[in-house]
Amino acid sequence: MVNSMGIKHILGFFHCLVLSIILVGCTSQTVDDPIQGSLQLIPPSNDTTVISRPFPNSIIPGVPSFVSSPKTLLQDASPSTSALTLYVYDGEKTWVAICYDDVVVNEILDNLNSVIAIEAPGWSLKDITLPLYGLEIGRADGWSIQAAWSNGYWIAQDGKAYNFDFDFRHLRTDYTWSNASEYLGINNMPCASLLTKDTNGWNRSYMTPAHIIAPAENISVAIKTWGQSRLDLQITNTGLAEWSFGEVYELQVYLDNMWYVVPKIPGNWAFNLPLYTLPAAHSLDKAYDLGWYGNLPVGTYRLVVENTWVDFRIE
């Protein structure tokens, strides 16, 4: 029989695996990541497709809504079935580690739940200071509670902010954490999209710059159609050799002559890992879901697939 600690270690292994899969596609965490970057030195193409409406919708089918309140920030946490993950972003990289001990996790949750949270409707991105902290723990329904904390403010995954007087430094130093890793950039932080975007658009202060990659030869990508939360692309191989690519993709935004990686909205996101092969002198159609990026502000974007891409503009 596997006890609860064993179950959580198994779940923790899959959590690390899923986290690794997610990070391959949505952050610039290692210089060997094949999708990183994207061509900072290559500006948007002159024939960029223009999408003249809000895109995409922030309501994702099948994803349960999360509504926070001062007394329920961690109410649905399930330490008996889920480990607790701590994140610390220092302005350059994010440290990530996991606590599997449900006794310790319950102690941490009790300490957090003892804090009186007060809604802070005036909170803005200008209130962020470093370091940034993040927490993630599973719920009984299999989804996650995600939150960020900075400068005395708790930022819930629904975008609400709360005055929250707690010394997060002691979480890292006073408890034992396992599977510690570091990743470049902010994109694997919980609520990263809420820390880089507001009603005024993107704030690049903490956004992760995309790295340069070598473009694929003889591969072109064009937008055929678009829906409320997707792009339908046609990928064409004009070369003499087959070309292979996976499911992983990355969205970037062009700000002040640089490309930045767009963070995903809070959620349990991960990529499937099939391998597609495109024969020479052939094309194929492929749909890409952009729902997990939420409502995208007006701007110029680049969808990167392996080492090729297509640009589009939202107006």
C-alpha atoms as a PDB file:
ATOM      1  CA  MET A   1       0.000   0.000   0.000  1.00  0.00           C
ATOM      2  CA  VAL A   2       1.267   3.462  -0.878  1.00  0.00           C
ATOM      3  CA  ASN A   3       0.871   5.992   1.925  1.00  0.00           C
ATOM      4  CA  SER A   4      -0.096   9.624   1.433  1.00  0.00           C
ATOM      5  CA  MET A   5       3.539  10.743   1.481  1.00  0.00           C
ATOM      6  CA  GLY A   6       4.352   8.261  -1.269  1.00  0.00           C
ATOM      7  CA  ILE A   7       1.381   9.387  -3.294  1.00  0.00           C
ATOM      8  CA  LYS A   8       2.485  12.994  -2.998  1.00  0.00           C
ATOM      9  CA  HIS A   9       6.019  12.120  -4.059  1.00  0.00           C
ATOM     10  CA  ILE A  10       4.575  10.383  -7.094  1.00  0.00           C
ATOM     11  CA  LEU A  11       2.378  13.415  -7.747  1.00  0.00           C
ATOM     12  CA  GLY A  12       5.374  15.602  -7.130  1.00  0.00           C
ATOM     13  CA  PHE A  13       7.330  13.721  -9.795  1.00  0.00           C
ATOM     14  CA  PHE A  14       4.564  14.313 -12.306  1.00  0.00           C
ATOM     15  CA  HIS A  15       4.300  17.932 -11.127  1.00  0.00           C
ATOM     16  CA  CYS A  16       8.008  18.373 -11.904  1.00  0.00           C
ATOM     17  CA  LEU A  17       7.561  16.614 -15.244  1.00  0.00           C
ATOM     18  CA  VAL A  18       4.572  18.763 -16.200  1.00  0.00           C
ATOM     19  CA  LEU A  19       6.355  21.890 -14.971  1.00  0.00           C
ATOM     20  CA  SER A  20       9.336  20.989 -17.155  1.00  0.00           C
ATOM     21  CA  ILE A  21       7.061  20.457 -20.157  1.00  0.00           C
ATOM     22  CA  ILE A  22       5.355  23.778 -19.553  1.00  0.00           C
ATOM     23  CA  LEU A  23       8.635  25.628 -19.167  1.00  0.00           C
ATOM     24  CA  VAL A  24       9.996  24.261 -22.420  1.00  0.00           C
ATOM     25  CA  GLY A  25       7.350  26.203 -24.271  1.00  0.00           C
ATOM     26  CA  CYS A  26       6.574  29.277 -22.264  1.00  0.00           C
ATOM     27  CA  THR A  27       9.766  30.572 -20.712  1.00  0.00           C
ATOM     28  CA  SER A  28      13.326  31.300 -21.633  1.00  0.00           C
ATOM     29  CA  GLN A  29      14.748  29.231 -18.852  1.00  0.00           C
ATOM     30  CA  THR A  30      17.762  27.573 -20.467  1.00  0.00           C
ATOM     31  CA  VAL A  31      20.000  28.502 -23.354  1.00  0.00           C
ATOM     32  CA  ASP A  32      19.452  25.048 -24.847  1.00  0.00           C
ATOM     33  CA  ASP A  33      15.675  25.444 -25.091  1.00  0.00           C
ATOM     34  CA  PRO A  34      14.981  25.103 -28.847  1.00  0.00           C
ATOM     35  CA  ILE A  35      11.973  27.411 -28.856  1.00  0.00           C
ATOM     36  CA  GLN A  36      13.594  30.211 -26.962  1.00  0.00           C
ATOM     37  CA  GLY A  37      13.742  33.049 -28.516  1.00  0.00           C
ATOM     38  CA  SER A  38      12.719  34.547 -30.960  1.00  0.00           C
ATOM     39  CA  LEU A  39      14.508  36.644 -33.076  1.00  0.00           C
ATOM     40  CA  GLN A  40      14.906  39.868 -31.202  1.00  0.00           C
ATOM     41  CA  LEU A  41      16.888  41.261 -34.128  1.00  0.00           C
ATOM     42  CA  ILE A  42      14.208  40.425 -36.683  1.00  0.00           C
ATOM     43  CA  PRO A  43      11.372  43.010 -36.590  1.00  0.00           C
ATOM     44  CA  PRO A  44       7.781  42.167 -37.515  1.00  0.00           C
ATOM     45  CA  SER A  45       7.220  41.381 -41.162  1.00  0.00           C
ATOM     46  CA  ASN A  46       5.660  43.992 -43.409  1.00  0.00           C
ATOM     47  CA  ASP A  47       2.727  41.740 -44.317  1.00  0.00           C
ATOM     48  CA  THR A  48       1.626  41.104 -40.733  1.00  0.00           C
ATOM     49  CA  THR A  49      -1.965  39.837 -40.467  1.00  0.00           C
ATOM     50  CA  VAL A  50      -4.241  42.310 -38.656  1.00  0.00           C
ATOM     51  CA  ILE A  51      -6.908  40.982 -36.286  1.00  0.00           C
ATOM     52  CA  SER A  52      -9.341  43.826 -35.710  1.00  0.00           C
ATOM     53  CA  ARG A  53     -11.235  42.696 -32.620  1.00  0.00           C
ATOM     54  CA  PRO A  54     -10.650  41.518 -29.050  1.00  0.00           C
ATOM     55  CA  PHE A  55      -8.671  38.301 -29.210  1.00  0.00           C
ATOM     56  CA  PRO A  56      -8.774  35.838 -27.589  1.00  0.00           C
ATOM     57  CA  ASN A  57     -11.545  35.438 -25.051  1.00  0.00           C
ATOM     58  CA  SER A  58     -10.379  35.168 -21.448  1.00  0.00           C
ATOM     59  CA  ILE A  59     -13.025  32.529 -20.630  1.00  0.00           C
ATOM     60  CA  ILE A  60     -11.492  29.123 -21.289  1.00  0.00           C
ATOM     61  CA  PRO A  61     -13.981  26.261 -21.822  1.00  0.00           C
ATOM     62  CA  GLY A  62     -13.602  23.513 -19.239  1.00  0.00           C
ATOM     63  CA  VAL A  63     -11.553  25.598 -16.814  1.00  0.00           C
ATOM     64  CA  PRO A  64     -13.333  26.239 -13.499  1.00  0.00           C
ATOM     65  CA  SER A  65     -13.610  29.853 -12.462  1.00  0.00           C
ATOM     66  CA  PHE A  66     -11.798  31.039  -9.364  1.00  0.00           C
ATOM     67  CA  VAL A  67     -13.219  33.864  -7.276  1.00  0.00           C
ATOM     68  CA  SER A  68     -11.104  34.993  -4.359  1.00  0.00           C
ATOM     69  CA  SER A  69     -12.188  36.703  -1.149  1.00  0.00           C
ATOM     70  CA  PRO A  70     -10.254  37.807   1.955  1.00  0.00           C
ATOM     71  CA  LYS A  71     -11.296  34.723   3.941  1.00  0.00           C
ATOM     72  CA  THR A  72     -11.009  32.077   1.216  1.00  0.00           C
ATOM     73  CA  LEU A  73      -7.602  32.651  -0.394  1.00  0.00           C
ATOM     74  CA  LEU A  74      -6.395  29.149   0.535  1.00  0.00           C
ATOM     75  CA  GLN A  75      -9.670  27.600   1.640  1.00  0.00           C
ATOM     76  CA  ASP A  76      -9.721  24.884  -1.016  1.00  0.00           C
ATOM     77  CA  ALA A  77      -6.078  23.832  -0.626  1.00  0.00           C
ATOM     78  CA  SER A  78      -5.683  20.062  -0.312  1.00  0.00           C
ATOM     79  CA  PRO A  79      -2.362  19.295   1.443  1.00  0.00           C
ATOM     80  CA  SER A  80      -3.301  15.639   1.885  1.00  0.00           C
ATOM     81  CA  THR A  81      -3.225  15.110  -1.888  1.00  0.00           C
ATOM     82  CA  SER A  82      -0.928  17.880  -3.089  1.00  0.00           C
ATOM     83  CA  ALA A  83       2.527  19.211  -2.369  1.00  0.00           C
ATOM     84  CA  LEU A  84       3.195  22.939  -1.919  1.00  0.00           C
ATOM     85  CA  THR A  85       5.411  24.701  -4.463  1.00  0.00           C
ATOM     86  CA  LEU A  86       7.292  27.896  -3.613  1.00  0.00           C
ATOM     87  CA  TYR A  87       8.617  30.316  -6.231  1.00  0.00           C
ATOM     88  CA  VAL A  88      11.019  33.242  -5.753  1.00  0.00           C
ATOM     89  CA  TYR A  89      11.795  35.664  -8.597  1.00  0.00           C
ATOM     90  CA  ASP A  90      14.761  38.027  -8.100  1.00  0.00           C
ATOM     91  CA  GLY A  91      14.425  40.067 -11.282  1.00  0.00           C
ATOM     92  CA  GLU A  92      16.531  37.705 -13.364  1.00  0.00           C
ATOM     93  CA  LYS A  93      15.650  34.129 -12.521  1.00  0.00           C
ATOM     94  CA  THR A  94      12.997  32.170 -10.654  1.00  0.00           C
ATOM     95  CA  TRP A  95      13.868  29.663  -7.933  1.00  0.00           C
ATOM     96  CA  VAL A  96      11.325  26.833  -7.629  1.00  0.00           C
ATOM     97  CA  ALA A  97      11.102  24.128  -4.941  1.00  0.00           C
ATOM     98  CA  ILE A  98       8.518  21.774  -3.445  1.00  0.00           C
ATOM     99  CA  CYS A  99       7.486  20.730   0.066  1.00  0.00           C
ATOM    100  CA  TYR A 100       5.943  17.244   0.248  1.00  0.00           C
ATOM    101  CA  ASP A 101       5.493  16.915   4.026  1.00  0.00           C
ATOM    102  CA  ASP A 102       1.786  17.459   4.713  1.00  0.00           C
ATOM    103  CA  VAL A 103       2.518  18.290   8.377  1.00  0.00           C
ATOM    104  CA  VAL A 104       4.835  21.094   7.302  1.00  0.00           C
ATOM    105  CA  VAL A 105       2.474  22.188   4.532  1.00  0.00           C
ATOM    106  CA  ASN A 106      -0.400  22.369   7.028  1.00  0.00           C
ATOM    107  CA  GLU A 107       1.759  24.463   9.344  1.00  0.00           C
ATOM    108  CA  ILE A 108       2.564  26.869   6.512  1.00  0.00           C
ATOM    109  CA  LEU A 109      -1.095  27.049   5.496  1.00  0.00           C
ATOM    110  CA  ASP A 110      -2.136  27.707   9.111  1.00  0.00           C
ATOM    111  CA  ASN A 111       0.348  30.564   9.295  1.00  0.00           C
ATOM    112  CA  LEU A 112      -0.889  32.026   6.037  1.00  0.00           C
ATOM    113  CA  ASN A 113      -4.545  31.596   6.982  1.00  0.00           C
ATOM    114  CA  SER A 114      -3.926  33.467  10.240  1.00  0.00           C
ATOM    115  CA  VAL A 115      -3.110  36.639   8.301  1.00  0.00           C
ATOM    116  CA  ILE A 116      -5.944  39.132   7.965  1.00  0.00           C
ATOM    117  CA  ALA A 117      -6.285  39.849   4.249  1.00  0.00           C
ATOM    118  CA  ILE A 118      -7.823  43.159   3.206  1.00  0.00           C
ATOM    119  CA  GLU A 119      -8.876  43.910  -0.344  1.00  0.00           C
ATOM    120  CA  ALA A 120      -6.602  46.439  -2.055  1.00  0.00           C
ATOM    121  CA  PRO A 121      -8.520  47.766  -5.053  1.00  0.00           C
ATOM    122  CA  GLY A 122      -5.887  50.458  -5.618  1.00  0.00           C
ATOM    123  CA  TRP A 123      -3.073  47.988  -6.185  1.00  0.00           C
ATOM    124  CA  SER A 124      -1.197  48.395  -9.481  1.00  0.00           C
ATOM    125  CA  LEU A 125       1.922  47.078 -11.171  1.00  0.00           C
ATOM    126  CA  LYS A 126       3.780  50.086  -9.780  1.00  0.00           C
ATOM    127  CA  ASP A 127       3.449  48.538  -6.308  1.00  0.00           C
ATOM    128  CA  ILE A 128       5.583  45.531  -7.258  1.00  0.00           C
ATOM    129  CA  THR A 129       9.028  45.279  -5.678  1.00  0.00           C
ATOM    130  CA  LEU A 130      11.573  42.492  -5.743  1.00  0.00           C
ATOM    131  CA  PRO A 131      11.808  39.748  -4.798  1.00  0.00           C
ATOM    132  CA  LEU A 132       8.506  38.339  -5.973  1.00  0.00           C
ATOM    133  CA  TYR A 133       7.143  35.225  -4.280  1.00  0.00           C
ATOM    134  CA  GLY A 134       4.678  32.688  -5.594  1.00  0.00           C
ATOM    135  CA  LEU A 135       2.743  29.754  -4.168  1.00  0.00           C
ATOM    136  CA  GLU A 136       0.949  26.864  -5.810  1.00  0.00           C
ATOM    137  CA  ILE A 137      -0.970  24.016  -4.192  1.00  0.00           C
ATOM    138  CA  GLY A 138      -3.547  21.608  -5.549  1.00  0.00           C
ATOM    139  CA  ARG A 139      -7.224  21.571  -4.792  1.00  0.00           C
ATOM    140  CA  ALA A 140      -9.348  18.490  -4.230  1.00  0.00           C
ATOM    141  CA  ASP A 141     -10.796  18.818  -7.744  1.00  0.00           C
ATOM    142  CA  GLY A 142      -7.355  18.521  -9.336  1.00  0.00           C
ATOM    143  CA  TRP A 143      -6.928  22.179 -10.236  1.00  0.00           C
ATOM    144  CA  SER A 144      -4.511  24.488  -8.471  1.00  0.00           C
ATOM    145  CA  ILE A 145      -4.555  27.531  -6.239  1.00  0.00           C
ATOM    146  CA  GLN A 146      -1.922  29.968  -7.487  1.00  0.00           C
ATOM    147  CA  ALA A 147      -0.887  33.280  -6.000  1.00  0.00           C
ATOM    148  CA  ALA A 148       1.919  35.813  -6.058  1.00  0.00           C
ATOM    149  CA  TRP A 149       3.130  38.106  -3.288  1.00  0.00           C
ATOM    150  CA  SER A 150       5.143  41.306  -3.416  1.00  0.00           C
ATOM    151  CA  ASN A 151       5.645  44.316  -1.174  1.00  0.00           C
ATOM    152  CA  GLY A 152       2.896  43.351   1.261  1.00  0.00           C
ATOM    153  CA  TYR A 153       0.341  42.459  -1.417  1.00  0.00           C
ATOM    154  CA  TRP A 154      -1.183  39.065  -2.205  1.00  0.00           C
ATOM    155  CA  ILE A 155      -2.165  38.793  -5.890  1.00  0.00           C
ATOM    156  CA  ALA A 156      -4.763  36.057  -6.379  1.00  0.00           C
ATOM    157  CA  GLN A 157      -5.183  34.156  -9.625  1.00  0.00           C
ATOM    158  CA  ASP A 158      -8.401  36.012 -10.439  1.00  0.00           C
ATOM    159  CA  GLY A 159      -6.446  39.293 -10.496  1.00  0.00           C
ATOM    160  CA  LYS A 160      -7.645  40.681  -7.160  1.00  0.00           C
ATOM    161  CA  ALA A 161      -5.032  42.078  -4.794  1.00  0.00           C
ATOM    162  CA  TYR A 162      -5.058  42.050  -0.997  1.00  0.00           C
ATOM    163  CA  ASN A 163      -3.008  43.696   1.712  1.00  0.00           C
ATOM    164  CA  PHE A 164      -1.265  40.684   3.225  1.00  0.00           C
ATOM    165  CA  ASP A 165       1.259  41.228   6.010  1.00  0.00           C
ATOM    166  CA  PHE A 166       3.497  38.164   5.935  1.00  0.00           C
ATOM    167  CA  ASP A 167       7.266  37.678   5.790  1.00  0.00           C
ATOM    168  CA  PHE A 168       7.720  35.339   2.845  1.00  0.00           C
ATOM    169  CA  ARG A 169      11.495  35.319   3.265  1.00  0.00           C
ATOM    170  CA  HIS A 170      11.105  32.878   6.134  1.00  0.00           C
ATOM    171  CA  LEU A 171       9.216  30.387   3.973  1.00  0.00           C
ATOM    172  CA  ARG A 172      12.364  29.740   1.986  1.00  0.00           C
ATOM    173  CA  THR A 173      14.814  29.785   4.898  1.00  0.00           C
ATOM    174  CA  ASP A 174      12.854  28.163   7.726  1.00  0.00           C
ATOM    175  CA  TYR A 175      11.488  25.094   5.950  1.00  0.00           C
ATOM    176  CA  THR A 176      12.924  22.196   3.976  1.00  0.00           C
ATOM    177  CA  TRP A 177      12.251  22.272   0.247  1.00  0.00           C
ATOM    178  CA  SER A 178      12.965  19.570  -2.339  1.00  0.00           C
ATOM    179  CA  ASN A 179      13.688  19.456  -6.077  1.00  0.00           C
ATOM    180  CA  ALA A 180      14.977  23.032  -6.151  1.00  0.00           C
ATOM    181  CA  SER A 181      15.585  24.443  -9.624  1.00  0.00           C
ATOM    182  CA  GLU A 182      16.254  27.844 -11.163  1.00  0.00           C
ATOM    183  CA  TYR A 183      14.874  29.186 -14.435  1.00  0.00           C
ATOM    184  CA  LEU A 184      15.585  32.363 -16.328  1.00  0.00           C
ATOM    185  CA  GLY A 185      12.803  34.923 -16.410  1.00  0.00           C
ATOM    186  CA  ILE A 186       9.429  35.325 -14.734  1.00  0.00           C
ATOM    187  CA  ASN A 187       7.197  33.214 -16.954  1.00  0.00           C
ATOM    188  CA  ASN A 188       6.993  30.171 -14.706  1.00  0.00           C
ATOM    189  CA  MET A 189       5.916  32.295 -11.725  1.00  0.00           C
ATOM    190  CA  PRO A 190       2.285  31.855 -10.658  1.00  0.00           C
ATOM    191  CA  CYS A 191       0.180  34.762 -11.938  1.00  0.00           C
ATOM    192  CA  ALA A 192       3.024  35.986 -14.154  1.00  0.00           C
ATOM    193  CA  SER A 193       0.521  37.415 -16.637  1.00  0.00           C
ATOM    194  CA  LEU A 194      -1.033  39.506 -13.843  1.00  0.00           C
ATOM    195  CA  LEU A 195       2.402  40.881 -12.969  1.00  0.00           C
ATOM    196  CA  THR A 196       3.199  42.002 -16.519  1.00  0.00           C
ATOM    197  CA  LYS A 197      -0.127  43.239 -17.921  1.00  0.00           C
ATOM    198  CA  ASP A 198      -2.909  45.592 -16.828  1.00  0.00           C
ATOM    199  CA  THR A 199      -5.645  47.718 -18.406  1.00  0.00           C
ATOM    200  CA  ASN A 200      -2.960  49.906 -19.987  1.00  0.00           C
ATOM    201  CA  GLY A 201      -1.396  46.970 -21.810  1.00  0.00           C
ATOM    202  CA  TRP A 202       1.917  45.228 -21.338  1.00  0.00           C
ATOM    203  CA  ASN A 203       4.436  46.380 -18.746  1.00  0.00           C
ATOM    204  CA  ARG A 204       7.830  45.061 -19.802  1.00  0.00           C
ATOM    205  CA  SER A 205       9.542  45.852 -16.483  1.00  0.00           C
ATOM    206  CA  TYR A 206       9.545  42.183 -15.477  1.00  0.00           C
ATOM    207  CA  MET A 207       8.884  40.500 -18.813  1.00  0.00           C
ATOM    208  CA  THR A 208      11.321  37.918 -20.131  1.00  0.00           C
ATOM    209  CA  PRO A 209      13.149  38.930 -23.337  1.00  0.00           C
ATOM    210  CA  ALA A 210      13.047  36.294 -26.043  1.00  0.00           C
ATOM    211  CA  HIS A 211      16.348  34.859 -27.186  1.00  0.00           C
ATOM    212  CA  ILE A 212      17.606  34.680 -30.732  1.00  0.00           C
ATOM    213  CA  ILE A 213      17.228  31.415 -32.625  1.00  0.00           C
ATOM    214  CA  ALA A 214      18.278  30.375 -36.101  1.00  0.00           C
ATOM    215  CA  PRO A 215      15.221  30.353 -38.400  1.00  0.00           C
ATOM    216  CA  ALA A 216      14.313  27.117 -40.147  1.00  0.00           C
ATOM    217  CA  GLU A 217      15.281  26.944 -43.791  1.00  0.00           C
ATOM    218  CA  ASN A 218      12.619  26.432 -46.446  1.00  0.00           C
ATOM    219  CA  ILE A 219       9.751  26.536 -43.926  1.00  0.00           C
ATOM    220  CA  SER A 220       7.035  29.175 -44.132  1.00  0.00           C
ATOM    221  CA  VAL A 221       4.031  29.793 -41.918  1.00  0.00           C
ATOM    222  CA  ALA A 222       0.861  31.692 -42.801  1.00  0.00           C
ATOM    223  CA  ILE A 223      -2.341  32.441 -40.909  1.00  0.00           C
ATOM    224  CA  LYS A 224      -5.337  30.938 -42.690  1.00  0.00           C
ATOM    225  CA  THR A 225      -8.092  31.882 -40.229  1.00  0.00           C
ATOM    226  CA  TRP A 226      -8.515  32.778 -36.592  1.00  0.00           C
ATOM    227  CA  GLY A 227     -11.173  32.084 -34.022  1.00  0.00           C
ATOM    228  CA  GLN A 228     -12.047  33.411 -30.614  1.00  0.00           C
ATOM    229  CA  SER A 229      -9.114  31.683 -28.960  1.00  0.00           C
ATOM    230  CA  ARG A 230      -6.996  30.141 -31.691  1.00  0.00           C
ATOM    231  CA  LEU A 231      -4.920  30.676 -34.808  1.00  0.00           C
ATOM    232  CA  ASP A 232      -5.264  28.308 -37.766  1.00  0.00           C
ATOM    233  CA  LEU A 233      -1.908  28.136 -39.519  1.00  0.00           C
ATOM    234  CA  GLN A 234      -0.662  26.607 -42.739  1.00  0.00           C
ATOM    235  CA  ILE A 235       2.903  25.383 -42.480  1.00  0.00           C
ATOM    236  CA  THR A 236       4.700  24.767 -45.788  1.00  0.00           C
ATOM    237  CA  ASN A 237       7.932  22.929 -46.474  1.00  0.00           C
ATOM    238  CA  THR A 238       9.472  24.195 -49.719  1.00  0.00           C
ATOM    239  CA  GLY A 239      12.723  22.309 -49.214  1.00  0.00           C
ATOM    240  CA  LEU A 240      13.985  18.922 -50.355  1.00  0.00           C
ATOM    241  CA  ALA A 241      14.076  17.285 -46.917  1.00  0.00           C
ATOM    242  CA  GLU A 242      11.333  16.508 -44.405  1.00  0.00           C
ATOM    243  CA  TRP A 243      10.947  18.794 -41.388  1.00  0.00           C
ATOM    244  CA  SER A 244       9.843  17.689 -37.921  1.00  0.00           C
ATOM    245  CA  PHE A 245       8.240  19.726 -35.178  1.00  0.00           C
ATOM    246  CA  GLY A 246       6.378  19.202 -31.923  1.00  0.00           C
ATOM    247  CA  GLU A 247       3.348  20.556 -30.117  1.00  0.00           C
ATOM    248  CA  VAL A 248       5.301  23.155 -28.121  1.00  0.00           C
ATOM    249  CA  TYR A 249       4.872  26.762 -29.157  1.00  0.00           C
ATOM    250  CA  GLU A 250       5.484  30.173 -27.696  1.00  0.00           C
ATOM    251  CA  LEU A 251       3.774  33.555 -28.008  1.00  0.00           C
ATOM    252  CA  GLN A 252       5.799  36.757 -28.021  1.00  0.00           C
ATOM    253  CA  VAL A 253       4.976  40.449 -28.118  1.00  0.00           C
ATOM    254  CA  TYR A 254       6.983  43.271 -29.741  1.00  0.00           C
ATOM    255  CA  LEU A 255       7.666  46.126 -27.314  1.00  0.00           C
ATOM    256  CA  ASP A 256      10.162  48.955 -27.812  1.00  0.00           C
ATOM    257  CA  ASN A 257      12.023  47.148 -30.593  1.00  0.00           C
ATOM    258  CA  MET A 258      12.379  43.884 -28.654  1.00  0.00           C
ATOM    259  CA  TRP A 259      10.471  40.620 -28.498  1.00  0.00           C
ATOM    260  CA  TYR A 260       9.253  39.452 -25.083  1.00  0.00           C
ATOM    261  CA  VAL A 261       7.771  36.094 -24.067  1.00  0.00           C
ATOM    262  CA  VAL A 262       4.048  36.347 -23.240  1.00  0.00           C
ATOM    263  CA  PRO A 263       3.159  34.620 -19.924  1.00  0.00           C
ATOM    264  CA  LYS A 264       0.173  32.325 -19.729  1.00  0.00           C
ATOM    265  CA  ILE A 265      -2.767  33.154 -17.498  1.00  0.00           C
ATOM    266  CA  PRO A 266      -3.028  31.154 -14.234  1.00  0.00           C
ATOM    267  CA  GLY A 267      -4.042  27.577 -14.908  1.00  0.00           C
ATOM    268  CA  ASN A 268      -2.874  23.964 -15.138  1.00  0.00           C
ATOM    269  CA  TRP A 269      -1.315  24.232 -18.563  1.00  0.00           C
ATOM    270  CA  ALA A 270       0.914  21.668 -20.265  1.00  0.00           C
ATOM    271  CA  PHE A 271       1.821  20.560 -23.761  1.00  0.00           C
ATOM    272  CA  ASN A 272       1.295  17.174 -25.344  1.00  0.00           C
ATOM    273  CA  LEU A 273       4.498  15.843 -26.878  1.00  0.00           C
ATOM    274  CA  PRO A 274       3.725  14.273 -30.270  1.00  0.00           C
ATOM    275  CA  LEU A 275       6.158  14.617 -33.169  1.00  0.00           C
ATOM    276  CA  TYR A 276       4.850  15.841 -36.521  1.00  0.00           C
ATOM    277  CA  THR A 277       6.699  15.273 -39.785  1.00  0.00           C
ATOM    278  CA  LEU A 278       6.186  17.536 -42.777  1.00  0.00           C
ATOM    279  CA  PRO A 279       7.516  15.960 -46.010  1.00  0.00           C
ATOM    280  CA  ALA A 280       9.358  18.014 -48.588  1.00  0.00           C
ATOM    281  CA  ALA A 281       7.128  20.067 -50.920  1.00  0.00           C
ATOM    282  CA  HIS A 282       4.095  19.609 -48.663  1.00  0.00           C
ATOM    283  CA  SER A 283       1.895  21.754 -46.440  1.00  0.00           C
ATOM    284  CA  LEU A 284      -0.244  21.002 -43.457  1.00  0.00           C
ATOM    285  CA  ASP A 285      -2.818  22.918 -41.418  1.00  0.00           C
ATOM    286  CA  LYS A 286      -2.422  23.196 -37.661  1.00  0.00           C
ATOM    287  CA  ALA A 287      -4.550  24.991 -35.062  1.00  0.00           C
ATOM    288  CA  TYR A 288      -2.887  26.705 -32.090  1.00  0.00           C
ATOM    289  CA  ASP A 289      -4.830  27.543 -28.954  1.00  0.00           C
ATOM    290  CA  LEU A 290      -4.169  31.026 -27.589  1.00  0.00           C
ATOM    291  CA  GLY A 291      -6.870  30.868 -24.931  1.00  0.00           C
ATOM    292  CA  TRP A 292      -4.343  30.248 -22.202  1.00  0.00           C
ATOM    293  CA  TYR A 293      -2.841  33.703 -22.823  1.00  0.00           C
ATOM    294  CA  GLY A 294      -6.088  35.466 -21.904  1.00  0.00           C
ATOM    295  CA  ASN A 295      -7.127  38.778 -23.431  1.00  0.00           C
ATOM    296  CA  LEU A 296      -4.219  40.118 -25.456  1.00  0.00           C
ATOM    297  CA  PRO A 297      -3.746  43.911 -25.535  1.00  0.00           C
ATOM    298  CA  VAL A 298      -3.366  45.802 -28.788  1.00  0.00           C
ATOM    299  CA  GLY A 299       0.063  45.104 -30.235  1.00  0.00           C
ATOM    300  CA  THR A 300       2.235  43.040 -32.538  1.00  0.00           C
ATOM    301  CA  TYR A 301       2.683  39.360 -31.706  1.00  0.00           C
ATOM    302  CA  ARG A 302       4.724  36.439 -32.941  1.00  0.00           C
ATOM    303  CA  LEU A 303       3.737  32.783 -32.625  1.00  0.00           C
ATOM    304  CA  VAL A 304       6.883  30.647 -32.610  1.00  0.00           C
ATOM    305  CA  VAL A 305       6.710  26.964 -33.576  1.00  0.00           C
ATOM    306  CA  GLU A 306      10.061  25.197 -33.226  1.00  0.00           C
ATOM    307  CA  ASN A 307      12.343  27.610 -35.107  1.00  0.00           C
ATOM    308  CA  THR A 308       9.813  29.204 -37.402  1.00  0.00           C
ATOM    309  CA  TRP A 309       7.117  31.780 -36.720  1.00  0.00           C
ATOM    310  CA  VAL A 310       4.299  33.973 -37.959  1.00  0.00           C
ATOM    311  CA  ASP A 311       3.506  37.557 -36.976  1.00  0.00           C
ATOM    312  CA  PHE A 312       0.092  39.124 -36.404  1.00  0.00           C
ATOM    313  CA  ARG A 313      -1.218  42.368 -35.026  1.00  0.00           C
ATOM    314  CA  ILE A 314      -4.223  42.953 -32.755  1.00  0.00           C
ATOM    315  CA  GLU A 315      -5.966  46.295 -33.218  1.00  0.00           C
END
